[in-house]
Amino acid sequence: MARGRKTNNNGNGNRLATQQSVDQAVKSICDIMRRGNCAGAMQYVPELTWILFLRILDEREEREKQDAEALGTPFRPSLESPYRWCDWATPPETLPEGETNKRRELREAPPGSFFAFVNKALLPYLKELKEQPNATPRQKVISEIMTGVERVRIDTERNFLDVLDKVHELSSDAVDPTHVFTLSQVYEGLLLDMGEKGNDGGQFFTPRQVIKAMAKVINPGIGETVYDPCCGTGGFLAQACEHIMDNLGDGTTADHLETLKERTFWGREKENLIYPIALANLMLHGIDKPNIWHGNTLTGRETYGGLFEGAPQTFDVILTNPPFGGKEGSDAQTRFDYRTGSTQALFLQDIIRSLRDGGRCGMVLDEGLLFRTNEDAFVKTKRKLLDDCALWCVVSLPAGVFINAGAGVKTNLLFFTKGQPTHTIWYYDLTDLNVRKKTPLTLEQFDDFFRLLPDRADSPLSWTVDMDERKHRAREEALPFKEQAATKTDQATECSDHLKALKQGKPPNEEAIEQAEATLKKLTREARELTAKAKAIEDAVYDLKAVNPNKKQDVDAREPEELVAVIEERGREIAAALARLKGGGRGEGGS
């Protein structure tokens, strides 16, 4: 028989029926953790991650066991007794009458027994699951989620037990899905806490509304592989899953669910702290087998690749936000055609390489990389993007979009398809939106963008750039400089030959040699400068920054004489104000 347990309430017999009640329940858990030696979100979110994950795992496997019993099929739990949540964490008073568990036994043991069991028995058992013969994919995931947990970080058993009690109340059955967000969305709120100023977690968090908009544009579908080469906490993959499920709606089949849970979502993450959080986040979203590779995508250095077995070489869809402003060493740069220390430039090369022909990408990109043409690797990377892919849309985001994630960098959204070169780029400008910490970007603010997107229509906020025409114009402008450079190079060659002949003369004509050397130096310099001018013109094609041609510039039309008069008048006003302040100061000082 299935294990009988009290569910569908928060331990007090009441469902968490409002968003406020769920938020308050989560806040109360975080409050306990903060007073228990987990002061900031970067401490309490990882700790809550593995605790909440084990709670949800237990709940899910209980349902699976009941379904298997109803169908008369065998069921193999991922965890043995006494390592299941229901054994060591479930409050004994919530068990059916007459039942007991490991927690009750530990409660009656000497002080310190509970921590001893968790730290010395439970955690080692969970981390070693992947080493078992015939370990299941889920057991491997469990081990990886626990990989960075050496011990309980909460300071006392009492505080830890209080956290367990409240997490036990925060079950899927206790949350009313018709009125409040799912637990996965509650968890995303905790991940946002990591990105707030001072927590150093913003690099791993992209605002949910930006991810939603990107998923809507790229529109991943059932049967496609979805990949994020720097997945952070897994937000893009989780949102892609929600997007596909919403589109399937009532037409979802068992095969669809198996495809989504097992074979659709792939990612890579190098940070030891963030990797297990990504796994837990994806499992909370119903992805039973998060195919996440642990290691450095850019160097290829692997920490653990057991969950990435069977990964395709290229992917149908990539949704990603490479880290802003990162710098890579030679071990990463040597793996790419165009060497640079810029993390985003290397990730862009990796993304192009990882897309299949016909595959689609939506990515966040630092505006600096978009407009910079002063580094050869940047130009060549963008040239490859436009040659190998159709970059069909660039959205210029407001400067404050990432402020809640602790970053003020100006960013753009790029959307492209691999397999055909870029002929035109459609731009949309959102930069005039006033985005601040208390007024974040909303999905509704993309409404006009989505209205215009199907036809790539021009408007006061959107325009089209003809890249073929821009390249043609640049070639024409650069051609005279190239021709002049070629002429100077030919002249330098003749001068060099003449110089050699002079040096072989008997006796050598020192004055003629000196004059020839000066001429050769001048011709070489001029050829180099002309070549650089031609290159700068052609490289300027790859300044892809969104500059709205429809935006009227505020130009001061006053004559210089008027401006001088205004400045002089302001100067007199300032002088008079200073005089009054000085006079007032002397009066007070003499009283």
Protein backbone atom coordinates (compact mmCIF):
# COMPACT_ATOMS: atom_id res chain seq x y z
CA MET A 1 0.00 0.00 0.00
CA ALA A 2 1.01 3.57 -0.52
CA ARG A 3 2.39 5.37 2.47
CA GLY A 4 -0.37 7.38 4.14
CA ARG A 5 0.52 10.98 4.88
CA LYS A 6 -1.33 14.13 5.68
CA THR A 7 -1.17 16.40 2.66
CA ASN A 8 -3.04 19.24 0.99
CA ASN A 9 -2.39 21.64 3.82
CA ASN A 10 0.39 23.61 5.42
CA GLY A 11 0.54 21.57 8.56
CA ASN A 12 -2.19 23.58 10.21
CA GLY A 13 -4.96 22.23 8.01
CA ASN A 14 -5.03 25.30 5.75
CA ARG A 15 -4.02 25.53 2.10
CA LEU A 16 -1.71 28.33 1.04
CA ALA A 17 -4.38 29.96 -1.08
CA THR A 18 -2.87 33.36 -1.86
CA GLN A 19 0.43 34.53 -3.29
CA GLN A 20 0.95 36.57 -0.13
CA SER A 21 0.62 33.48 2.06
CA VAL A 22 3.19 31.57 -0.03
CA ASP A 23 5.59 34.53 -0.05
CA GLN A 24 5.22 34.84 3.72
CA ALA A 25 5.92 31.14 4.18
CA VAL A 26 9.11 31.41 2.12
CA LYS A 27 10.13 34.59 3.94
CA SER A 28 9.69 32.90 7.30
CA ILE A 29 12.02 30.08 6.17
CA CYS A 30 14.64 32.58 4.99
CA ASP A 31 14.33 34.50 8.27
CA ILE A 32 15.20 31.36 10.23
CA MET A 33 18.16 30.67 7.94
CA ARG A 34 19.42 34.24 8.27
CA ARG A 35 19.43 34.00 12.04
CA GLY A 36 21.01 30.56 11.71
CA ASN A 37 24.35 31.54 10.15
CA CYS A 38 23.14 32.01 6.54
CA ALA A 39 23.13 35.79 6.49
CA GLY A 40 22.86 36.57 2.76
CA ALA A 41 21.06 35.08 -0.21
CA MET A 42 24.30 33.59 -1.52
CA GLN A 43 24.37 31.50 1.68
CA TYR A 44 20.71 30.68 2.32
CA VAL A 45 19.58 30.00 -1.28
CA PRO A 46 22.06 27.11 -1.84
CA GLU A 47 21.16 25.69 1.57
CA LEU A 48 17.44 25.94 0.93
CA THR A 49 17.96 24.49 -2.57
CA TRP A 50 18.96 21.01 -1.46
CA ILE A 51 16.44 20.96 1.39
CA LEU A 52 13.54 22.03 -0.84
CA PHE A 53 14.70 19.65 -3.58
CA LEU A 54 14.62 16.62 -1.26
CA ARG A 55 11.14 17.64 -0.10
CA ILE A 56 9.79 17.86 -3.65
CA LEU A 57 11.60 14.66 -4.66
CA ASP A 58 9.93 12.74 -1.85
CA GLU A 59 6.53 14.12 -2.81
CA ARG A 60 7.03 13.28 -6.48
CA GLU A 61 8.22 9.74 -5.83
CA GLU A 62 5.30 9.12 -3.49
CA ARG A 63 2.92 10.01 -6.34
CA GLU A 64 4.89 7.84 -8.76
CA LYS A 65 4.75 4.93 -6.32
CA GLN A 66 0.98 5.26 -5.99
CA ASP A 67 0.58 5.41 -9.79
CA ALA A 68 2.76 2.29 -10.18
CA GLU A 69 0.74 0.40 -7.60
CA ALA A 70 -2.48 1.37 -9.36
CA LEU A 71 -1.10 0.04 -12.65
CA GLY A 72 0.47 -3.03 -11.06
CA THR A 73 3.95 -2.09 -12.27
CA PRO A 74 7.18 -2.20 -10.24
CA PHE A 75 8.56 1.00 -8.73
CA ARG A 76 12.16 1.63 -7.70
CA PRO A 77 12.60 4.62 -5.39
CA SER A 78 15.71 6.73 -5.80
CA LEU A 79 16.46 6.70 -2.07
CA GLU A 80 16.40 3.93 0.49
CA SER A 81 15.12 4.18 4.05
CA PRO A 82 16.09 6.03 6.27
CA TYR A 83 17.34 8.58 3.72
CA ARG A 84 13.99 9.62 2.26
CA TRP A 85 12.51 12.93 3.37
CA CYS A 86 9.59 11.10 4.94
CA ASP A 87 12.07 9.18 7.13
CA TRP A 88 14.34 11.85 8.56
CA ALA A 89 12.65 15.22 7.90
CA THR A 90 8.87 14.77 8.09
CA PRO A 91 7.58 15.95 11.48
CA PRO A 92 6.46 12.80 13.34
CA GLU A 93 3.21 14.46 14.43
CA THR A 94 2.08 14.67 10.78
CA LEU A 95 2.35 10.88 10.31
CA PRO A 96 -0.70 8.63 10.50
CA GLU A 97 -1.40 7.31 13.97
CA GLY A 98 0.84 4.42 14.91
CA GLU A 99 3.58 5.24 12.39
CA THR A 100 7.04 6.44 13.34
CA ASN A 101 10.17 7.52 11.49
CA LYS A 102 13.90 8.21 11.85
CA ARG A 103 13.27 11.78 12.97
CA ARG A 104 11.32 10.61 16.01
CA GLU A 105 14.17 8.27 16.86
CA LEU A 106 16.72 11.08 16.53
CA ARG A 107 14.56 13.40 18.60
CA GLU A 108 14.82 10.99 21.51
CA ALA A 109 18.60 10.50 21.04
CA PRO A 110 21.31 12.61 22.79
CA PRO A 111 21.82 16.24 21.62
CA GLY A 112 23.84 16.44 18.41
CA SER A 113 22.49 13.15 17.05
CA PHE A 114 20.40 14.83 14.35
CA PHE A 115 23.33 16.78 12.87
CA ALA A 116 25.51 13.68 13.16
CA PHE A 117 23.02 11.67 11.09
CA VAL A 118 22.60 14.36 8.43
CA ASN A 119 26.28 15.30 8.11
CA LYS A 120 27.86 11.86 8.49
CA ALA A 121 25.24 9.51 7.05
CA LEU A 122 22.64 11.28 4.88
CA LEU A 123 24.88 13.66 2.91
CA PRO A 124 27.57 11.06 2.08
CA TYR A 125 24.87 8.59 1.01
CA LEU A 126 23.25 11.13 -1.33
CA LYS A 127 26.55 12.22 -2.88
CA GLU A 128 27.60 8.62 -3.56
CA LEU A 129 24.37 7.61 -5.32
CA LYS A 130 25.86 8.20 -8.79
CA GLU A 131 28.59 5.65 -8.01
CA GLN A 132 26.10 2.84 -7.44
CA PRO A 133 25.95 0.07 -10.06
CA ASN A 134 23.18 0.84 -12.56
CA ALA A 135 22.56 4.28 -11.04
CA THR A 136 19.49 5.87 -12.61
CA PRO A 137 19.62 9.30 -14.27
CA ARG A 138 17.65 10.70 -11.33
CA GLN A 139 20.12 9.28 -8.82
CA LYS A 140 22.94 10.94 -10.75
CA VAL A 141 21.06 14.24 -10.60
CA ILE A 142 20.54 13.87 -6.85
CA SER A 143 24.26 13.31 -6.33
CA GLU A 144 25.14 16.33 -8.42
CA ILE A 145 22.72 18.58 -6.56
CA MET A 146 24.37 17.49 -3.32
CA THR A 147 27.92 17.71 -4.65
CA GLY A 148 28.79 20.99 -2.96
CA VAL A 149 27.06 20.26 0.36
CA GLU A 150 29.69 19.28 2.89
CA ARG A 151 27.59 19.83 5.99
CA VAL A 152 24.52 21.66 7.24
CA ARG A 153 25.32 25.38 7.28
CA ILE A 154 22.54 26.33 9.69
CA ASP A 155 24.07 26.81 13.13
CA THR A 156 21.83 24.82 15.52
CA GLU A 157 19.69 21.72 15.35
CA ARG A 158 16.72 23.72 16.60
CA ASN A 159 16.96 26.23 13.74
CA PHE A 160 17.51 23.42 11.24
CA LEU A 161 14.45 21.51 12.48
CA ASP A 162 12.37 24.70 12.28
CA VAL A 163 13.42 25.07 8.63
CA LEU A 164 12.51 21.44 7.91
CA ASP A 165 9.08 21.91 9.46
CA LYS A 166 8.32 24.97 7.36
CA VAL A 167 9.69 23.44 4.15
CA HIS A 168 7.52 20.39 4.80
CA GLU A 169 4.51 22.71 4.87
CA LEU A 170 5.56 24.27 1.55
CA SER A 171 4.57 21.27 -0.55
CA SER A 172 3.00 21.23 -3.99
CA ASP A 173 -0.19 19.86 -2.45
CA ALA A 174 -0.33 22.73 0.03
CA VAL A 175 -0.07 25.44 -2.64
CA ASP A 176 -3.34 26.23 -4.40
CA PRO A 177 -2.34 26.30 -8.10
CA THR A 178 -5.47 28.19 -9.16
CA HIS A 179 -4.58 31.28 -7.13
CA VAL A 180 -0.82 31.38 -6.66
CA PHE A 181 2.39 30.68 -8.51
CA THR A 182 3.84 27.21 -8.60
CA LEU A 183 6.73 26.35 -6.32
CA SER A 184 9.10 26.66 -9.27
CA GLN A 185 8.17 30.34 -9.59
CA VAL A 186 8.49 30.81 -5.84
CA TYR A 187 11.99 29.38 -6.16
CA GLU A 188 12.79 31.83 -8.94
CA GLY A 189 12.03 34.62 -6.49
CA LEU A 190 14.74 33.21 -4.24
CA LEU A 191 17.16 33.15 -7.17
CA LEU A 192 16.42 36.82 -7.77
CA ASP A 193 17.47 37.49 -4.17
CA MET A 194 20.90 36.16 -5.13
CA GLY A 195 21.15 38.80 -7.84
CA GLU A 196 20.40 41.80 -5.68
CA LYS A 197 23.11 44.37 -5.12
CA GLY A 198 25.83 43.12 -2.82
CA ASN A 199 25.07 39.43 -3.28
CA ASP A 200 27.32 38.85 -6.31
CA GLY A 201 24.74 36.52 -7.87
CA GLY A 202 23.41 38.82 -10.60
CA GLN A 203 25.73 37.28 -13.18
CA PHE A 204 23.66 34.09 -12.96
CA PHE A 205 20.21 35.66 -13.20
CA THR A 206 18.36 37.09 -16.20
CA PRO A 207 15.04 38.88 -15.50
CA ARG A 208 12.14 36.52 -16.08
CA GLN A 209 10.27 38.93 -18.39
CA VAL A 210 13.28 39.18 -20.71
CA ILE A 211 13.52 35.38 -20.85
CA LYS A 212 9.79 35.10 -21.57
CA ALA A 213 10.05 37.59 -24.44
CA MET A 214 13.04 35.77 -25.92
CA ALA A 215 11.33 32.37 -25.70
CA LYS A 216 8.25 33.81 -27.38
CA VAL A 217 10.32 35.17 -30.28
CA ILE A 218 12.34 31.96 -30.83
CA ASN A 219 9.29 29.75 -30.13
CA PRO A 220 10.91 26.36 -29.34
CA GLY A 221 8.67 23.40 -30.10
CA ILE A 222 8.25 19.79 -29.07
CA GLY A 223 10.94 17.56 -30.55
CA GLU A 224 13.53 20.34 -30.76
CA THR A 225 16.64 20.37 -28.61
CA VAL A 226 17.10 23.50 -26.47
CA TYR A 227 20.59 24.45 -25.26
CA ASP A 228 22.20 27.08 -23.03
CA PRO A 229 26.03 27.01 -22.99
CA CYS A 230 26.20 29.10 -19.80
CA CYS A 231 22.92 28.22 -18.14
CA GLY A 232 23.45 29.76 -14.69
CA THR A 233 20.46 28.78 -12.56
CA GLY A 234 18.65 27.31 -15.60
CA GLY A 235 16.17 30.13 -16.21
CA PHE A 236 16.20 29.96 -20.01
CA LEU A 237 15.75 26.18 -20.09
CA ALA A 238 12.97 26.30 -17.48
CA GLN A 239 11.12 29.03 -19.40
CA ALA A 240 11.53 27.15 -22.68
CA CYS A 241 9.90 24.15 -21.01
CA GLU A 242 6.96 26.27 -19.80
CA HIS A 243 6.62 27.82 -23.27
CA ILE A 244 6.48 24.44 -25.02
CA MET A 245 4.00 23.07 -22.47
CA ASP A 246 1.74 26.11 -22.85
CA ASN A 247 1.74 25.72 -26.63
CA LEU A 248 0.93 22.01 -26.38
CA GLY A 249 -1.94 22.68 -24.00
CA ASP A 250 -4.59 19.96 -24.00
CA GLY A 251 -2.81 18.18 -26.85
CA THR A 252 0.02 17.06 -24.58
CA THR A 253 0.65 13.30 -24.77
CA ALA A 254 2.69 10.90 -22.64
CA ASP A 255 5.33 10.82 -25.39
CA HIS A 256 5.51 14.62 -25.34
CA LEU A 257 6.08 14.61 -21.59
CA GLU A 258 8.77 11.95 -21.80
CA THR A 259 10.53 13.93 -24.56
CA LEU A 260 10.46 17.13 -22.48
CA LYS A 261 11.56 15.44 -19.27
CA GLU A 262 14.40 13.41 -20.76
CA ARG A 263 15.72 14.57 -24.13
CA THR A 264 14.92 18.24 -24.78
CA PHE A 265 16.96 20.48 -22.48
CA TRP A 266 20.75 20.69 -22.45
CA GLY A 267 23.14 23.10 -20.81
CA ARG A 268 26.55 23.80 -19.36
CA GLU A 269 27.58 25.61 -16.17
CA LYS A 270 31.00 25.94 -14.57
CA GLU A 271 30.30 27.52 -11.16
CA ASN A 272 30.27 24.95 -8.36
CA LEU A 273 27.76 26.96 -6.34
CA ILE A 274 25.34 27.52 -9.21
CA TYR A 275 25.43 24.14 -10.97
CA PRO A 276 23.40 22.23 -8.33
CA ILE A 277 20.94 25.13 -8.12
CA ALA A 278 20.33 24.83 -11.87
CA LEU A 279 19.64 21.11 -11.54
CA ALA A 280 17.19 21.66 -8.69
CA ASN A 281 15.46 24.50 -10.53
CA LEU A 282 14.93 22.40 -13.65
CA MET A 283 13.62 19.45 -11.65
CA LEU A 284 11.18 21.80 -9.90
CA HIS A 285 9.96 22.67 -13.41
CA GLY A 286 9.27 19.00 -14.11
CA ILE A 287 12.42 18.24 -16.11
CA ASP A 288 13.33 14.88 -14.60
CA LYS A 289 16.64 14.59 -16.46
CA PRO A 290 18.37 17.97 -16.65
CA ASN A 291 21.19 17.30 -19.11
CA ILE A 292 23.62 19.76 -17.57
CA TRP A 293 27.38 19.44 -18.09
CA HIS A 294 29.47 20.72 -15.19
CA GLY A 295 32.61 22.47 -16.37
CA ASN A 296 34.02 25.40 -18.32
CA THR A 297 32.35 25.61 -21.72
CA LEU A 298 35.08 27.79 -23.20
CA THR A 299 38.09 25.72 -22.10
CA GLY A 300 36.34 22.36 -22.36
CA ARG A 301 37.60 21.47 -18.89
CA GLU A 302 35.06 19.04 -17.38
CA THR A 303 34.15 18.69 -13.73
CA TYR A 304 31.34 16.18 -14.27
CA GLY A 305 29.82 15.14 -17.58
CA GLY A 306 27.69 12.20 -16.49
CA LEU A 307 24.41 14.02 -17.10
CA PHE A 308 25.46 15.10 -20.61
CA GLU A 309 25.82 11.63 -22.09
CA GLY A 310 24.22 11.30 -25.50
CA ALA A 311 24.22 15.05 -26.14
CA PRO A 312 23.85 16.08 -29.78
CA GLN A 313 26.76 17.85 -31.46
CA THR A 314 24.54 20.75 -32.52
CA PHE A 315 21.18 22.05 -31.29
CA ASP A 316 17.90 23.30 -32.73
CA VAL A 317 17.48 26.22 -30.32
CA ILE A 318 19.90 28.21 -28.17
CA LEU A 319 18.65 30.65 -25.54
CA THR A 320 21.35 32.26 -23.44
CA ASN A 321 22.89 35.24 -21.67
CA PRO A 322 26.71 34.94 -21.65
CA PRO A 323 28.44 36.61 -18.67
CA PHE A 324 29.02 40.36 -19.01
CA GLY A 325 32.56 41.69 -19.00
CA GLY A 326 34.32 38.38 -18.37
CA LYS A 327 37.94 37.80 -19.36
CA GLU A 328 39.35 34.47 -20.51
CA GLY A 329 42.92 33.19 -20.56
CA SER A 330 44.87 31.50 -23.33
CA ASP A 331 43.51 28.04 -22.44
CA ALA A 332 40.09 29.22 -23.62
CA GLN A 333 41.23 31.44 -26.48
CA THR A 334 43.23 28.73 -28.25
CA ARG A 335 40.04 26.73 -28.86
CA PHE A 336 38.54 29.43 -31.08
CA ASP A 337 39.25 30.86 -34.52
CA TYR A 338 39.34 34.45 -33.31
CA ARG A 339 41.30 34.81 -30.09
CA THR A 340 40.20 37.40 -27.56
CA GLY A 341 39.90 37.66 -23.81
CA SER A 342 36.24 38.74 -24.10
CA THR A 343 33.99 36.04 -22.66
CA GLN A 344 30.97 37.20 -24.66
CA ALA A 345 32.89 37.21 -27.96
CA LEU A 346 34.12 33.66 -27.34
CA PHE A 347 30.62 32.52 -26.36
CA LEU A 348 29.23 34.04 -29.56
CA GLN A 349 31.72 31.96 -31.56
CA ASP A 350 30.78 28.88 -29.53
CA ILE A 351 27.07 29.50 -30.11
CA ILE A 352 27.50 29.76 -33.88
CA ARG A 353 29.45 26.50 -33.79
CA SER A 354 26.80 24.79 -31.61
CA LEU A 355 23.77 25.67 -33.77
CA ARG A 356 22.65 23.24 -36.43
CA ASP A 357 21.86 24.60 -39.91
CA GLY A 358 18.41 26.09 -39.60
CA GLY A 359 18.79 26.37 -35.83
CA ARG A 360 17.63 29.53 -34.05
CA CYS A 361 19.28 31.55 -31.30
CA GLY A 362 18.10 34.26 -28.96
CA MET A 363 20.84 35.78 -26.81
CA VAL A 364 21.56 38.75 -24.56
CA LEU A 365 24.65 40.67 -25.63
CA ASP A 366 26.56 43.52 -24.03
CA GLU A 367 26.23 46.59 -26.26
CA GLY A 368 30.00 47.14 -26.13
CA LEU A 369 30.61 44.02 -28.18
CA LEU A 370 27.89 45.06 -30.61
CA PHE A 371 29.43 48.40 -31.58
CA ARG A 372 33.18 47.90 -30.98
CA THR A 373 35.31 47.61 -34.12
CA ASN A 374 38.67 48.45 -32.55
CA GLU A 375 39.57 44.83 -31.81
CA ASP A 376 40.18 42.50 -34.72
CA ALA A 377 38.63 39.46 -33.01
CA PHE A 378 35.41 41.41 -32.37
CA VAL A 379 35.11 42.38 -36.04
CA LYS A 380 35.87 38.86 -37.27
CA THR A 381 33.41 37.30 -34.81
CA LYS A 382 30.62 39.62 -35.97
CA ARG A 383 31.59 39.08 -39.60
CA LYS A 384 31.27 35.33 -39.06
CA LEU A 385 27.89 35.87 -37.42
CA LEU A 386 26.63 37.82 -40.45
CA ASP A 387 28.22 35.45 -42.97
CA ASP A 388 27.05 32.18 -41.39
CA CYS A 389 23.75 33.32 -39.89
CA ALA A 390 20.80 35.51 -40.71
CA LEU A 391 20.76 38.08 -37.89
CA TRP A 392 17.16 39.11 -38.37
CA CYS A 393 16.42 41.11 -35.23
CA VAL A 394 18.18 43.28 -32.65
CA VAL A 395 16.27 44.72 -29.70
CA SER A 396 17.93 47.59 -27.84
CA LEU A 397 17.02 47.25 -24.15
CA PRO A 398 16.86 50.07 -21.59
CA ALA A 399 19.96 50.56 -19.46
CA GLY A 400 18.27 49.49 -16.22
CA VAL A 401 16.96 46.08 -17.23
CA PHE A 402 19.55 44.19 -15.20
CA ILE A 403 19.60 46.57 -12.24
CA ASN A 404 17.65 44.12 -10.04
CA ALA A 405 20.26 41.51 -10.87
CA GLY A 406 23.04 43.79 -9.70
CA ALA A 407 24.25 44.95 -13.13
CA GLY A 408 23.76 48.27 -14.90
CA VAL A 409 25.30 47.26 -18.23
CA LYS A 410 23.52 48.31 -21.45
CA THR A 411 22.36 45.24 -23.37
CA ASN A 412 20.67 44.10 -26.57
CA LEU A 413 18.76 41.01 -27.62
CA LEU A 414 20.00 39.28 -30.75
CA PHE A 415 17.92 36.79 -32.73
CA PHE A 416 19.45 34.84 -35.60
CA THR A 417 19.14 31.66 -37.66
CA LYS A 418 22.15 29.67 -38.86
CA GLY A 419 22.61 28.60 -42.47
CA GLN A 420 22.07 31.77 -44.52
CA PRO A 421 23.97 35.08 -44.54
CA THR A 422 22.49 38.28 -43.18
CA HIS A 423 20.99 40.60 -45.80
CA THR A 424 18.94 42.94 -43.61
CA ILE A 425 18.62 43.50 -39.85
CA TRP A 426 15.40 44.72 -38.24
CA TYR A 427 15.93 46.81 -35.12
CA TYR A 428 13.52 47.71 -32.33
CA ASP A 429 14.27 50.43 -29.75
CA LEU A 430 13.12 50.08 -26.13
CA THR A 431 15.71 52.45 -24.69
CA ASP A 432 13.26 55.22 -23.77
CA LEU A 433 11.52 53.05 -21.19
CA ASN A 434 12.18 54.18 -17.63
CA VAL A 435 13.35 50.95 -16.01
CA ARG A 436 14.42 51.10 -12.39
CA LYS A 437 14.67 48.73 -9.45
CA LYS A 438 11.07 49.35 -8.40
CA THR A 439 9.77 49.60 -11.97
CA PRO A 440 11.28 46.60 -13.81
CA LEU A 441 10.70 45.77 -17.45
CA THR A 442 7.38 43.99 -18.03
CA LEU A 443 6.27 41.65 -20.79
CA GLU A 444 3.49 44.11 -21.72
CA GLN A 445 6.17 46.62 -22.73
CA PHE A 446 7.07 44.25 -25.57
CA ASP A 447 3.52 44.35 -27.01
CA ASP A 448 4.30 46.83 -29.80
CA PHE A 449 7.46 44.89 -30.65
CA PHE A 450 5.48 41.65 -31.01
CA ARG A 451 2.84 43.44 -33.11
CA LEU A 452 5.45 44.63 -35.61
CA LEU A 453 7.74 41.58 -35.55
CA PRO A 454 5.92 39.28 -38.04
CA ASP A 455 6.27 41.81 -40.89
CA ARG A 456 9.45 43.47 -39.56
CA ALA A 457 7.50 46.69 -39.98
CA ASP A 458 9.08 50.13 -39.64
CA SER A 459 7.75 52.54 -37.05
CA PRO A 460 9.04 55.39 -34.86
CA LEU A 461 10.71 52.68 -32.73
CA SER A 462 11.74 50.22 -35.45
CA TRP A 463 13.78 50.38 -38.63
CA THR A 464 15.62 48.14 -41.10
CA VAL A 465 19.31 48.24 -42.00
CA ASP A 466 20.30 46.86 -45.42
CA MET A 467 23.61 45.11 -44.69
CA ASP A 468 24.25 44.28 -48.36
CA GLU A 469 23.98 47.95 -49.27
CA ARG A 470 26.13 48.96 -46.28
CA LYS A 471 28.87 46.52 -47.31
CA HIS A 472 28.71 47.69 -50.93
CA ARG A 473 29.01 51.33 -49.89
CA ALA A 474 31.93 50.55 -47.60
CA ARG A 475 33.77 48.69 -50.38
CA GLU A 476 33.34 51.67 -52.68
CA GLU A 477 34.53 54.12 -50.02
CA ALA A 478 37.51 51.92 -49.12
CA LEU A 479 38.57 51.22 -52.72
CA PRO A 480 40.43 54.52 -53.39
CA PHE A 481 42.45 54.05 -50.19
CA LYS A 482 43.26 50.46 -51.17
CA GLU A 483 44.36 51.58 -54.64
CA GLN A 484 46.50 54.35 -53.20
CA ALA A 485 47.99 51.89 -50.69
CA ALA A 486 48.80 49.48 -53.53
CA THR A 487 50.50 52.28 -55.47
CA LYS A 488 52.53 53.30 -52.43
CA THR A 489 53.48 49.65 -51.84
CA ASP A 490 54.68 49.30 -55.46
CA GLN A 491 56.67 52.51 -55.12
CA ALA A 492 58.15 51.25 -51.84
CA THR A 493 59.20 48.03 -53.57
CA GLU A 494 60.93 49.97 -56.35
CA CYS A 495 62.56 52.22 -53.77
CA SER A 496 63.77 49.18 -51.82
CA ASP A 497 65.34 47.70 -54.95
CA HIS A 498 66.99 51.04 -55.70
CA LEU A 499 68.32 51.21 -52.11
CA LYS A 500 69.90 47.77 -52.44
CA ALA A 501 71.63 48.84 -55.63
CA LEU A 502 72.95 52.01 -53.98
CA LYS A 503 74.37 50.02 -51.09
CA GLN A 504 76.25 47.79 -53.53
CA GLY A 505 77.91 50.77 -55.22
CA LYS A 506 81.67 51.19 -55.03
CA PRO A 507 82.13 53.49 -53.21
CA PRO A 508 78.58 53.77 -51.71
CA ASN A 509 76.84 57.13 -52.11
CA GLU A 510 75.94 57.81 -48.46
CA GLU A 511 73.84 60.88 -49.26
CA ALA A 512 71.77 58.99 -51.87
CA ILE A 513 71.38 56.01 -49.54
CA GLU A 514 70.13 58.23 -46.71
CA GLN A 515 67.64 59.92 -49.03
CA ALA A 516 66.40 56.56 -50.37
CA GLU A 517 65.98 55.18 -46.85
CA ALA A 518 63.90 58.21 -45.88
CA THR A 519 61.76 57.85 -49.00
CA LEU A 520 61.24 54.11 -48.34
CA LYS A 521 60.24 54.78 -44.75
CA LYS A 522 57.78 57.48 -45.87
CA LEU A 523 56.22 55.29 -48.58
CA THR A 524 55.89 52.31 -46.19
CA ARG A 525 54.23 54.50 -43.55
CA GLU A 526 51.83 56.03 -46.06
CA ALA A 527 50.90 52.59 -47.46
CA ARG A 528 50.25 51.33 -43.93
CA GLU A 529 48.10 54.35 -43.06
CA LEU A 530 46.08 54.08 -46.25
CA THR A 531 45.51 50.34 -45.65
CA ALA A 532 44.38 51.11 -42.10
CA LYS A 533 41.91 53.72 -43.39
CA ALA A 534 40.44 51.22 -45.85
CA LYS A 535 40.19 48.58 -43.11
CA ALA A 536 38.51 51.01 -40.69
CA ILE A 537 35.87 51.83 -43.33
CA GLU A 538 35.15 48.16 -44.00
CA ASP A 539 35.25 47.24 -40.30
CA ALA A 540 32.72 49.99 -39.52
CA VAL A 541 30.15 47.83 -41.32
CA TYR A 542 30.25 45.61 -38.22
CA ASP A 543 29.25 48.37 -35.81
CA LEU A 544 25.84 46.81 -35.19
CA LYS A 545 24.70 49.16 -32.43
CA ALA A 546 21.05 50.18 -32.57
CA VAL A 547 20.92 53.87 -33.48
CA ASN A 548 17.32 54.89 -34.07
CA PRO A 549 17.21 57.08 -37.22
CA ASN A 550 13.68 58.21 -36.32
CA LYS A 551 14.66 59.74 -33.01
CA LYS A 552 14.84 63.53 -33.16
CA GLN A 553 17.99 64.92 -31.61
CA ASP A 554 17.69 67.84 -29.20
CA VAL A 555 19.72 70.53 -30.94
CA ASP A 556 20.24 73.99 -29.47
CA ALA A 557 19.48 76.35 -32.38
CA ARG A 558 20.58 79.51 -30.62
CA GLU A 559 23.33 81.65 -32.13
CA PRO A 560 26.74 81.75 -30.41
CA GLU A 561 26.13 85.36 -29.32
CA GLU A 562 22.94 84.29 -27.52
CA LEU A 563 24.73 81.46 -25.73
CA VAL A 564 27.54 83.78 -24.62
CA ALA A 565 24.97 86.23 -23.23
CA VAL A 566 23.23 83.42 -21.29
CA ILE A 567 26.55 82.24 -19.84
CA GLU A 568 27.53 85.79 -18.82
CA GLU A 569 24.14 86.34 -17.15
CA ARG A 570 24.45 83.05 -15.23
CA GLY A 571 27.95 84.11 -14.17
CA ARG A 572 26.63 87.40 -12.76
CA GLU A 573 23.89 85.54 -10.86
CA ILE A 574 26.43 83.13 -9.35
CA ALA A 575 28.77 86.00 -8.39
CA ALA A 576 25.91 87.85 -6.69
CA ALA A 577 24.86 84.72 -4.78
CA LEU A 578 28.44 84.15 -3.59
CA ALA A 579 28.69 87.76 -2.46
CA ARG A 580 25.51 87.42 -0.41
CA LEU A 581 26.79 84.22 1.20
CA LYS A 582 30.12 85.82 2.08
CA GLY A 583 28.41 88.92 3.48
CA GLY A 584 26.06 86.82 5.57
CA GLY A 585 28.98 84.82 6.90
CA ARG A 586 30.85 87.95 8.09
CA GLY A 587 27.72 89.30 9.80
CA GLU A 588 27.21 86.04 11.76
CA GLY A 589 30.87 85.85 12.62
CA GLY A 590 30.90 89.38 14.10
CA SER A 591 27.85 89.05 16.32
